[in-house]
Amino acid sequence: METEPHHKKRYLWLTDTHLDKVFPWTLARFILHIIKEDPAGIFLTGDISNGLLTCWHLKLLARFIKCPIYFVLGNHDYFFHSLDGMHAKIRKLCAEHSNLIWMTEAGIIKLNDEFALIGTDGWYSAENGNPEYLRFTFDWFMTEDFRRMPSMNARIDKWRAMADWSALDIMGKLEGAIAQDYKNIIILTHQPPWIEATRDVGTILEKYWLPYNTNIRLGKVIERVMGAHKKKHATVLSGHCHTDNWIYVSRNIECKVQRAKYFGSLRNEEVIWI
C-alpha cells in the first residue's frame, strides 16, 4: 500500500498517452481512474493525442478532472495541423478551461514554497546521429509547416530553430525560478535533453534514433544554468522515446523518461509527491 509522505501533495505524471489510439471504454476507465486517485495535479509531457483530436481530448479531461492539468505538446499533437494553427486552438481551449495549463506559455508555477514547475514543448534538435534519417520519420509530412518546406535541409534548420527557442524559453524560466529562491524546479518537456536518457546509445539504430529522440540544445542550457547554482535541483520529466529511463546528469540535475501510456497501460502513471 502506498504511504503518503508527511505534508506532501500527490501529483500524477503521464506521457505519450496517444488517446487517439485507445478504445472509448479504455478512455472512460482512464478518466474514472484519475478521478478516483484525486491528485493535486496532473503532468502530461506530450503526445496526448494527434492534432485532429488533441484539443477534444484535453477538453474531455478538463471537463471531468477538476485538478490542474499541466501539459506540453509533443510532435504527434501537431499532426494534420500547422504549428500556429495548433497554438491558437490550445490558447483558446486554455482560456475556456482554467484547469488546463499549457506550460509553454504559463511561466513559473508555484507548487509549494520549495517547488516550482516550468515547461516547454521543445523539439528534437537533429544532432548526435545522422539527421538525414529524419526523412524516414512521419513528422515532416504529417505537420503542415514541414510538409510545405522545399527540402529536408530546410526542415532540419526549422527543427533546430525550434529546439533553440525551447532552450531560450527554459533558460528564462529556470533563471526566474532560481531568482525566486525555489530549491527544486520541475521541468516538463517532450523530447529528452540528453542522449543518455534514451535507450538508443550503443545500439545499431542510434544514428537513426538519436537525431529524432533528443533535444540536445535544451540540455546544454539546463546544465549551464544549474551549473551556476549548485544548491538548487532540477528534475526534467519527458517522454517521446516510449521507454523508461532515469539518469543523473550532475549532482543537481536528473532526467526521467517514462514509457508510453496507451492501449492497456493507461493506468501505469508515476506518482510524484511534492
C-alpha atoms as a PDB file:
ATOM      1  CA  MET A   1       0.000   0.000   0.000  1.00  0.00           C
ATOM      2  CA  GLU A   2       1.280   3.432  -0.952  1.00  0.00           C
ATOM      3  CA  THR A   3       2.091   5.605   2.056  1.00  0.00           C
ATOM      4  CA  GLU A   4       1.578   9.343   1.853  1.00  0.00           C
ATOM      5  CA  PRO A   5       4.682  11.344   2.824  1.00  0.00           C
ATOM      6  CA  HIS A   6       4.010  13.825   5.593  1.00  0.00           C
ATOM      7  CA  HIS A   7       2.640  17.189   4.391  1.00  0.00           C
ATOM      8  CA  LYS A   8       3.174  16.381   0.691  1.00  0.00           C
ATOM      9  CA  LYS A   9       0.702  16.512  -2.183  1.00  0.00           C
ATOM     10  CA  ARG A  10       0.226  13.792  -4.753  1.00  0.00           C
ATOM     11  CA  TYR A  11       0.729  14.508  -8.474  1.00  0.00           C
ATOM     12  CA  LEU A  12       0.356  12.069 -11.366  1.00  0.00           C
ATOM     13  CA  TRP A  13       2.720  12.140 -14.315  1.00  0.00           C
ATOM     14  CA  LEU A  14       1.853  10.566 -17.666  1.00  0.00           C
ATOM     15  CA  THR A  15       3.399  10.850 -21.092  1.00  0.00           C
ATOM     16  CA  ASP A  16       2.666   9.728 -24.652  1.00  0.00           C
ATOM     17  CA  THR A  17      -0.887   8.701 -23.819  1.00  0.00           C
ATOM     18  CA  HIS A  18      -1.834   8.742 -27.543  1.00  0.00           C
ATOM     19  CA  LEU A  19      -5.501   8.898 -26.604  1.00  0.00           C
ATOM     20  CA  ASP A  20      -6.464   8.718 -30.275  1.00  0.00           C
ATOM     21  CA  LYS A  21      -5.336   5.085 -30.242  1.00  0.00           C
ATOM     22  CA  VAL A  22      -7.395   3.851 -27.272  1.00  0.00           C
ATOM     23  CA  PHE A  23     -10.854   2.341 -27.260  1.00  0.00           C
ATOM     24  CA  PRO A  24     -13.653   4.569 -25.876  1.00  0.00           C
ATOM     25  CA  TRP A  25     -14.186   2.283 -22.875  1.00  0.00           C
ATOM     26  CA  THR A  26     -10.452   2.370 -22.095  1.00  0.00           C
ATOM     27  CA  LEU A  27     -10.554   6.171 -22.190  1.00  0.00           C
ATOM     28  CA  ALA A  28     -13.577   6.197 -19.866  1.00  0.00           C
ATOM     29  CA  ARG A  29     -11.844   3.861 -17.396  1.00  0.00           C
ATOM     30  CA  PHE A  30      -8.747   6.043 -17.545  1.00  0.00           C
ATOM     31  CA  ILE A  31     -10.701   9.195 -16.661  1.00  0.00           C
ATOM     32  CA  LEU A  32     -12.566   7.403 -13.860  1.00  0.00           C
ATOM     33  CA  HIS A  33      -9.239   6.148 -12.525  1.00  0.00           C
ATOM     34  CA  ILE A  34      -7.804   9.681 -12.399  1.00  0.00           C
ATOM     35  CA  ILE A  35     -10.946  10.968 -10.670  1.00  0.00           C
ATOM     36  CA  LYS A  36     -10.683   8.198  -8.079  1.00  0.00           C
ATOM     37  CA  GLU A  37      -6.982   8.929  -7.497  1.00  0.00           C
ATOM     38  CA  ASP A  38      -7.901  12.574  -6.759  1.00  0.00           C
ATOM     39  CA  PRO A  39      -4.416  14.052  -7.391  1.00  0.00           C
ATOM     40  CA  ALA A  40      -3.376  17.618  -6.616  1.00  0.00           C
ATOM     41  CA  GLY A  41      -2.443  17.941 -10.282  1.00  0.00           C
ATOM     42  CA  ILE A  42      -1.505  16.049 -13.441  1.00  0.00           C
ATOM     43  CA  PHE A  43       1.657  16.409 -15.519  1.00  0.00           C
ATOM     44  CA  LEU A  44       1.326  15.461 -19.219  1.00  0.00           C
ATOM     45  CA  THR A  45       4.570  15.530 -21.207  1.00  0.00           C
ATOM     46  CA  GLY A  46       3.301  15.453 -24.771  1.00  0.00           C
ATOM     47  CA  ASP A  47       1.840  13.218 -27.466  1.00  0.00           C
ATOM     48  CA  ILE A  48      -1.503  13.486 -25.733  1.00  0.00           C
ATOM     49  CA  SER A  49      -3.304  12.563 -28.956  1.00  0.00           C
ATOM     50  CA  ASN A  50      -2.977  13.535 -32.610  1.00  0.00           C
ATOM     51  CA  GLY A  51      -3.531  17.077 -33.861  1.00  0.00           C
ATOM     52  CA  LEU A  52      -7.091  16.385 -35.001  1.00  0.00           C
ATOM     53  CA  LEU A  53      -8.117  15.191 -31.532  1.00  0.00           C
ATOM     54  CA  THR A  54      -5.671  16.716 -29.040  1.00  0.00           C
ATOM     55  CA  CYS A  55      -7.954  19.655 -28.187  1.00  0.00           C
ATOM     56  CA  TRP A  56     -11.003  17.401 -27.915  1.00  0.00           C
ATOM     57  CA  HIS A  57      -9.179  15.018 -25.588  1.00  0.00           C
ATOM     58  CA  LEU A  58      -7.813  17.870 -23.449  1.00  0.00           C
ATOM     59  CA  LYS A  59     -11.312  19.354 -23.230  1.00  0.00           C
ATOM     60  CA  LEU A  60     -12.675  15.977 -22.155  1.00  0.00           C
ATOM     61  CA  LEU A  61     -10.041  15.644 -19.437  1.00  0.00           C
ATOM     62  CA  ALA A  62     -10.622  19.210 -18.238  1.00  0.00           C
ATOM     63  CA  ARG A  63     -14.379  18.677 -18.013  1.00  0.00           C
ATOM     64  CA  PHE A  64     -14.247  15.618 -15.771  1.00  0.00           C
ATOM     65  CA  ILE A  65     -10.902  16.010 -13.961  1.00  0.00           C
ATOM     66  CA  LYS A  66     -11.084  19.111 -11.792  1.00  0.00           C
ATOM     67  CA  CYS A  67      -7.470  19.383 -10.641  1.00  0.00           C
ATOM     68  CA  PRO A  68      -4.925  21.413 -12.659  1.00  0.00           C
ATOM     69  CA  ILE A  69      -3.691  19.650 -15.799  1.00  0.00           C
ATOM     70  CA  TYR A  70      -0.199  20.899 -16.620  1.00  0.00           C
ATOM     71  CA  PHE A  71       0.809  19.881 -20.137  1.00  0.00           C
ATOM     72  CA  VAL A  72       3.204  20.351 -23.027  1.00  0.00           C
ATOM     73  CA  LEU A  73       2.642  19.285 -26.607  1.00  0.00           C
ATOM     74  CA  GLY A  74       4.535  16.557 -28.443  1.00  0.00           C
ATOM     75  CA  ASN A  75       5.203  16.057 -32.141  1.00  0.00           C
ATOM     76  CA  HIS A  76       2.056  13.928 -32.618  1.00  0.00           C
ATOM     77  CA  ASP A  77      -0.077  16.742 -31.197  1.00  0.00           C
ATOM     78  CA  TYR A  78       0.711  18.785 -34.323  1.00  0.00           C
ATOM     79  CA  PHE A  79      -0.263  16.107 -36.858  1.00  0.00           C
ATOM     80  CA  PHE A  80      -2.745  17.307 -39.519  1.00  0.00           C
ATOM     81  CA  HIS A  81      -2.195  20.928 -38.393  1.00  0.00           C
ATOM     82  CA  SER A  82       0.102  23.891 -38.778  1.00  0.00           C
ATOM     83  CA  LEU A  83       2.165  24.936 -35.751  1.00  0.00           C
ATOM     84  CA  ASP A  84       0.490  28.336 -35.422  1.00  0.00           C
ATOM     85  CA  GLY A  85      -2.952  26.855 -36.010  1.00  0.00           C
ATOM     86  CA  MET A  86      -2.488  24.351 -33.222  1.00  0.00           C
ATOM     87  CA  HIS A  87      -1.126  27.002 -30.872  1.00  0.00           C
ATOM     88  CA  ALA A  88      -4.180  29.200 -31.497  1.00  0.00           C
ATOM     89  CA  LYS A  89      -6.519  26.328 -30.662  1.00  0.00           C
ATOM     90  CA  ILE A  90      -4.605  25.484 -27.492  1.00  0.00           C
ATOM     91  CA  ARG A  91      -4.694  29.109 -26.311  1.00  0.00           C
ATOM     92  CA  LYS A  92      -8.456  29.279 -26.900  1.00  0.00           C
ATOM     93  CA  LEU A  93      -9.001  25.986 -25.088  1.00  0.00           C
ATOM     94  CA  CYS A  94      -6.974  27.067 -22.058  1.00  0.00           C
ATOM     95  CA  ALA A  95      -8.921  30.341 -21.915  1.00  0.00           C
ATOM     96  CA  GLU A  96     -12.133  28.309 -21.709  1.00  0.00           C
ATOM     97  CA  HIS A  97     -10.870  25.826 -19.095  1.00  0.00           C
ATOM     98  CA  SER A  98      -8.960  27.310 -16.182  1.00  0.00           C
ATOM     99  CA  ASN A  99      -7.612  23.911 -15.075  1.00  0.00           C
ATOM    100  CA  LEU A 100      -5.752  23.452 -18.390  1.00  0.00           C
ATOM    101  CA  ILE A 101      -2.276  24.986 -18.147  1.00  0.00           C
ATOM    102  CA  TRP A 102      -0.094  24.942 -21.265  1.00  0.00           C
ATOM    103  CA  MET A 103       3.373  25.126 -19.754  1.00  0.00           C
ATOM    104  CA  THR A 104       4.996  26.658 -22.839  1.00  0.00           C
ATOM    105  CA  GLU A 105       3.116  29.886 -22.117  1.00  0.00           C
ATOM    106  CA  ALA A 106       2.408  29.505 -18.398  1.00  0.00           C
ATOM    107  CA  GLY A 107       5.590  30.935 -16.890  1.00  0.00           C
ATOM    108  CA  ILE A 108       6.619  29.778 -13.411  1.00  0.00           C
ATOM    109  CA  ILE A 109       4.038  27.778 -11.432  1.00  0.00           C
ATOM    110  CA  LYS A 110       4.364  27.630  -7.651  1.00  0.00           C
ATOM    111  CA  LEU A 111       3.632  24.131  -6.329  1.00  0.00           C
ATOM    112  CA  ASN A 112       4.743  24.943  -2.787  1.00  0.00           C
ATOM    113  CA  ASP A 113       7.362  27.100  -1.070  1.00  0.00           C
ATOM    114  CA  GLU A 114      10.221  24.883  -2.265  1.00  0.00           C
ATOM    115  CA  PHE A 115       8.994  23.521  -5.621  1.00  0.00           C
ATOM    116  CA  ALA A 116       8.316  25.377  -8.867  1.00  0.00           C
ATOM    117  CA  LEU A 117       7.037  23.934 -12.143  1.00  0.00           C
ATOM    118  CA  ILE A 118       8.122  25.164 -15.587  1.00  0.00           C
ATOM    119  CA  GLY A 119       7.929  23.662 -19.052  1.00  0.00           C
ATOM    120  CA  THR A 120       8.191  23.987 -22.810  1.00  0.00           C
ATOM    121  CA  ASP A 121       7.079  21.827 -25.726  1.00  0.00           C
ATOM    122  CA  GLY A 122      10.554  21.526 -27.227  1.00  0.00           C
ATOM    123  CA  TRP A 123      11.506  19.724 -30.415  1.00  0.00           C
ATOM    124  CA  TYR A 124      14.282  17.352 -31.439  1.00  0.00           C
ATOM    125  CA  SER A 125      17.496  19.109 -32.403  1.00  0.00           C
ATOM    126  CA  ALA A 126      18.585  16.692 -35.166  1.00  0.00           C
ATOM    127  CA  GLU A 127      22.018  16.069 -33.606  1.00  0.00           C
ATOM    128  CA  ASN A 128      24.111  13.122 -32.338  1.00  0.00           C
ATOM    129  CA  GLY A 129      23.389  10.871 -35.252  1.00  0.00           C
ATOM    130  CA  ASN A 130      22.669  11.210 -38.935  1.00  0.00           C
ATOM    131  CA  PRO A 131      19.919  13.832 -39.424  1.00  0.00           C
ATOM    132  CA  GLU A 132      19.368  12.619 -42.987  1.00  0.00           C
ATOM    133  CA  TYR A 133      17.494   9.656 -41.490  1.00  0.00           C
ATOM    134  CA  LEU A 134      14.768  12.062 -40.336  1.00  0.00           C
ATOM    135  CA  ARG A 135      13.337  11.833 -43.839  1.00  0.00           C
ATOM    136  CA  PHE A 136      12.099   8.368 -42.819  1.00  0.00           C
ATOM    137  CA  THR A 137      10.011   9.689 -39.901  1.00  0.00           C
ATOM    138  CA  PHE A 138       6.368  10.775 -40.055  1.00  0.00           C
ATOM    139  CA  ASP A 139       6.591  14.308 -38.683  1.00  0.00           C
ATOM    140  CA  TRP A 140       7.741  16.132 -41.780  1.00  0.00           C
ATOM    141  CA  PHE A 141       4.704  15.167 -43.865  1.00  0.00           C
ATOM    142  CA  MET A 142       2.122  14.905 -41.064  1.00  0.00           C
ATOM    143  CA  THR A 143       2.629  18.538 -39.967  1.00  0.00           C
ATOM    144  CA  GLU A 144       1.661  21.215 -42.459  1.00  0.00           C
ATOM    145  CA  ASP A 145       4.603  23.606 -41.951  1.00  0.00           C
ATOM    146  CA  PHE A 146       7.218  20.920 -42.561  1.00  0.00           C
ATOM    147  CA  ARG A 147       5.419  19.310 -45.487  1.00  0.00           C
ATOM    148  CA  ARG A 148       5.423  22.607 -47.391  1.00  0.00           C
ATOM    149  CA  MET A 149       9.152  23.181 -46.986  1.00  0.00           C
ATOM    150  CA  PRO A 150      11.261  22.677 -50.121  1.00  0.00           C
ATOM    151  CA  SER A 151      13.885  20.285 -48.740  1.00  0.00           C
ATOM    152  CA  MET A 152      14.942  18.149 -45.785  1.00  0.00           C
ATOM    153  CA  ASN A 153      17.738  20.617 -45.032  1.00  0.00           C
ATOM    154  CA  ALA A 154      15.148  23.378 -44.646  1.00  0.00           C
ATOM    155  CA  ARG A 155      13.175  21.180 -42.252  1.00  0.00           C
ATOM    156  CA  ILE A 156      16.250  20.362 -40.195  1.00  0.00           C
ATOM    157  CA  ASP A 157      17.054  24.072 -39.924  1.00  0.00           C
ATOM    158  CA  LYS A 158      13.491  24.684 -38.724  1.00  0.00           C
ATOM    159  CA  TRP A 159      13.643  21.897 -36.137  1.00  0.00           C
ATOM    160  CA  ARG A 160      16.938  23.213 -34.787  1.00  0.00           C
ATOM    161  CA  ALA A 161      15.456  26.701 -34.562  1.00  0.00           C
ATOM    162  CA  MET A 162      12.543  25.255 -32.589  1.00  0.00           C
ATOM    163  CA  ALA A 163      14.983  23.446 -30.297  1.00  0.00           C
ATOM    164  CA  ASP A 164      16.894  26.718 -29.813  1.00  0.00           C
ATOM    165  CA  TRP A 165      13.677  28.556 -28.964  1.00  0.00           C
ATOM    166  CA  SER A 166      12.763  25.932 -26.359  1.00  0.00           C
ATOM    167  CA  ALA A 167      16.232  26.287 -24.826  1.00  0.00           C
ATOM    168  CA  LEU A 168      15.864  30.068 -24.536  1.00  0.00           C
ATOM    169  CA  ASP A 169      12.360  29.646 -23.127  1.00  0.00           C
ATOM    170  CA  ILE A 170      13.538  27.292 -20.391  1.00  0.00           C
ATOM    171  CA  MET A 171      16.625  29.378 -19.649  1.00  0.00           C
ATOM    172  CA  GLY A 172      14.462  32.384 -18.814  1.00  0.00           C
ATOM    173  CA  LYS A 173      12.008  30.374 -16.728  1.00  0.00           C
ATOM    174  CA  LEU A 174      14.717  28.428 -14.930  1.00  0.00           C
ATOM    175  CA  GLU A 175      16.672  31.553 -14.052  1.00  0.00           C
ATOM    176  CA  GLY A 176      13.420  33.175 -12.921  1.00  0.00           C
ATOM    177  CA  ALA A 177      12.542  30.248 -10.640  1.00  0.00           C
ATOM    178  CA  ILE A 178      16.033  30.316  -9.120  1.00  0.00           C
ATOM    179  CA  ALA A 179      15.783  34.080  -8.603  1.00  0.00           C
ATOM    180  CA  GLN A 180      12.530  33.460  -6.718  1.00  0.00           C
ATOM    181  CA  ASP A 181      14.543  31.175  -4.419  1.00  0.00           C
ATOM    182  CA  TYR A 182      12.860  27.853  -5.237  1.00  0.00           C
ATOM    183  CA  LYS A 183      15.098  24.997  -4.182  1.00  0.00           C
ATOM    184  CA  ASN A 184      13.607  22.475  -6.614  1.00  0.00           C
ATOM    185  CA  ILE A 185      12.436  23.080 -10.162  1.00  0.00           C
ATOM    186  CA  ILE A 186      10.481  20.510 -12.171  1.00  0.00           C
ATOM    187  CA  ILE A 187      10.771  20.909 -15.945  1.00  0.00           C
ATOM    188  CA  LEU A 188       8.177  19.394 -18.291  1.00  0.00           C
ATOM    189  CA  THR A 189       9.187  18.821 -21.917  1.00  0.00           C
ATOM    190  CA  HIS A 190       8.590  16.202 -24.585  1.00  0.00           C
ATOM    191  CA  GLN A 191      11.944  15.153 -26.080  1.00  0.00           C
ATOM    192  CA  PRO A 192      14.670  14.144 -23.569  1.00  0.00           C
ATOM    193  CA  PRO A 193      17.502  16.719 -23.442  1.00  0.00           C
ATOM    194  CA  TRP A 194      20.316  14.120 -23.144  1.00  0.00           C
ATOM    195  CA  ILE A 195      21.207  11.098 -25.258  1.00  0.00           C
ATOM    196  CA  GLU A 196      21.917   9.075 -22.103  1.00  0.00           C
ATOM    197  CA  ALA A 197      18.234   9.416 -21.200  1.00  0.00           C
ATOM    198  CA  THR A 198      17.295   7.324 -24.265  1.00  0.00           C
ATOM    199  CA  ARG A 199      17.776   3.627 -24.968  1.00  0.00           C
ATOM    200  CA  ASP A 200      19.452   4.413 -28.288  1.00  0.00           C
ATOM    201  CA  VAL A 201      23.102   4.873 -27.325  1.00  0.00           C
ATOM    202  CA  GLY A 202      25.206   1.881 -28.286  1.00  0.00           C
ATOM    203  CA  THR A 203      22.511   0.239 -30.420  1.00  0.00           C
ATOM    204  CA  ILE A 204      22.740  -0.405 -34.135  1.00  0.00           C
ATOM    205  CA  LEU A 205      19.962   2.164 -34.682  1.00  0.00           C
ATOM    206  CA  GLU A 206      21.472   5.056 -32.723  1.00  0.00           C
ATOM    207  CA  LYS A 207      22.329   7.003 -35.895  1.00  0.00           C
ATOM    208  CA  TYR A 208      18.649   6.814 -36.856  1.00  0.00           C
ATOM    209  CA  TRP A 209      17.046   7.478 -33.465  1.00  0.00           C
ATOM    210  CA  LEU A 210      19.328   9.969 -31.708  1.00  0.00           C
ATOM    211  CA  PRO A 211      18.610  12.929 -34.054  1.00  0.00           C
ATOM    212  CA  TYR A 212      14.883  12.274 -33.540  1.00  0.00           C
ATOM    213  CA  ASN A 213      14.744  11.379 -29.855  1.00  0.00           C
ATOM    214  CA  THR A 214      16.708  14.196 -28.194  1.00  0.00           C
ATOM    215  CA  ASN A 215      16.737  17.971 -27.768  1.00  0.00           C
ATOM    216  CA  ILE A 216      20.439  18.407 -27.024  1.00  0.00           C
ATOM    217  CA  ARG A 217      20.288  22.201 -27.129  1.00  0.00           C
ATOM    218  CA  LEU A 218      17.805  22.271 -24.269  1.00  0.00           C
ATOM    219  CA  GLY A 219      20.058  20.023 -22.194  1.00  0.00           C
ATOM    220  CA  LYS A 220      23.089  22.282 -22.667  1.00  0.00           C
ATOM    221  CA  VAL A 221      21.171  25.299 -21.384  1.00  0.00           C
ATOM    222  CA  ILE A 222      19.865  23.443 -18.335  1.00  0.00           C
ATOM    223  CA  GLU A 223      23.395  22.309 -17.495  1.00  0.00           C
ATOM    224  CA  ARG A 224      24.772  25.833 -17.886  1.00  0.00           C
ATOM    225  CA  VAL A 225      22.130  27.439 -15.653  1.00  0.00           C
ATOM    226  CA  MET A 226      22.182  24.731 -12.981  1.00  0.00           C
ATOM    227  CA  GLY A 227      25.981  24.610 -13.024  1.00  0.00           C
ATOM    228  CA  ALA A 228      25.987  28.124 -11.618  1.00  0.00           C
ATOM    229  CA  HIS A 229      23.534  27.199  -8.846  1.00  0.00           C
ATOM    230  CA  LYS A 230      24.816  24.028  -7.197  1.00  0.00           C
ATOM    231  CA  LYS A 231      22.440  24.284  -4.230  1.00  0.00           C
ATOM    232  CA  LYS A 232      19.359  24.148  -6.466  1.00  0.00           C
ATOM    233  CA  HIS A 233      17.961  20.980  -8.014  1.00  0.00           C
ATOM    234  CA  ALA A 234      16.272  20.436 -11.397  1.00  0.00           C
ATOM    235  CA  THR A 235      14.203  17.414 -12.398  1.00  0.00           C
ATOM    236  CA  VAL A 236      13.323  17.024 -16.074  1.00  0.00           C
ATOM    237  CA  LEU A 237      10.247  14.923 -16.918  1.00  0.00           C
ATOM    238  CA  SER A 238       9.939  13.883 -20.563  1.00  0.00           C
ATOM    239  CA  GLY A 239       8.698  11.165 -22.888  1.00  0.00           C
ATOM    240  CA  HIS A 240       8.800  10.670 -26.668  1.00  0.00           C
ATOM    241  CA  CYS A 241      11.070   7.577 -26.578  1.00  0.00           C
ATOM    242  CA  HIS A 242       8.354   5.228 -25.251  1.00  0.00           C
ATOM    243  CA  THR A 243      10.790   3.592 -22.809  1.00  0.00           C
ATOM    244  CA  ASP A 244      11.582   4.123 -19.135  1.00  0.00           C
ATOM    245  CA  ASN A 245      14.892   5.673 -18.144  1.00  0.00           C
ATOM    246  CA  TRP A 246      16.285   7.700 -15.265  1.00  0.00           C
ATOM    247  CA  ILE A 247      19.658   9.417 -15.272  1.00  0.00           C
ATOM    248  CA  TYR A 248      21.605  11.839 -13.118  1.00  0.00           C
ATOM    249  CA  VAL A 249      23.210  14.385 -15.412  1.00  0.00           C
ATOM    250  CA  SER A 250      25.038  16.003 -12.496  1.00  0.00           C
ATOM    251  CA  ARG A 251      24.666  16.247  -8.745  1.00  0.00           C
ATOM    252  CA  ASN A 252      21.790  18.700  -9.130  1.00  0.00           C
ATOM    253  CA  ILE A 253      20.160  17.615 -12.413  1.00  0.00           C
ATOM    254  CA  GLU A 254      18.160  14.451 -13.027  1.00  0.00           C
ATOM    255  CA  CYS A 255      16.097  13.403 -16.010  1.00  0.00           C
ATOM    256  CA  LYS A 256      13.264  10.890 -16.039  1.00  0.00           C
ATOM    257  CA  VAL A 257      11.768   9.437 -19.193  1.00  0.00           C
ATOM    258  CA  GLN A 258       8.586   7.440 -18.957  1.00  0.00           C
ATOM    259  CA  ARG A 259       7.252   4.788 -21.286  1.00  0.00           C
ATOM    260  CA  ALA A 260       4.211   5.436 -23.449  1.00  0.00           C
ATOM    261  CA  LYS A 261       0.809   5.043 -21.815  1.00  0.00           C
ATOM    262  CA  TYR A 262      -1.721   3.768 -24.290  1.00  0.00           C
ATOM    263  CA  PHE A 263      -3.947   0.781 -25.054  1.00  0.00           C
ATOM    264  CA  GLY A 264      -3.982  -1.386 -21.917  1.00  0.00           C
ATOM    265  CA  SER A 265      -1.384   0.562 -19.926  1.00  0.00           C
ATOM    266  CA  LEU A 266      -3.036   3.963 -19.493  1.00  0.00           C
ATOM    267  CA  ARG A 267      -3.203   3.476 -15.730  1.00  0.00           C
ATOM    268  CA  ASN A 268       0.524   2.959 -15.207  1.00  0.00           C
ATOM    269  CA  GLU A 269       1.190   6.560 -14.244  1.00  0.00           C
ATOM    270  CA  GLU A 270       4.025   7.658 -11.963  1.00  0.00           C
ATOM    271  CA  VAL A 271       3.131   9.222  -8.631  1.00  0.00           C
ATOM    272  CA  ILE A 272       5.191  12.253  -7.619  1.00  0.00           C
ATOM    273  CA  TRP A 273       4.991  13.613  -4.069  1.00  0.00           C
ATOM    274  CA  ILE A 274       5.636  17.323  -3.748  1.00  0.00           C
END
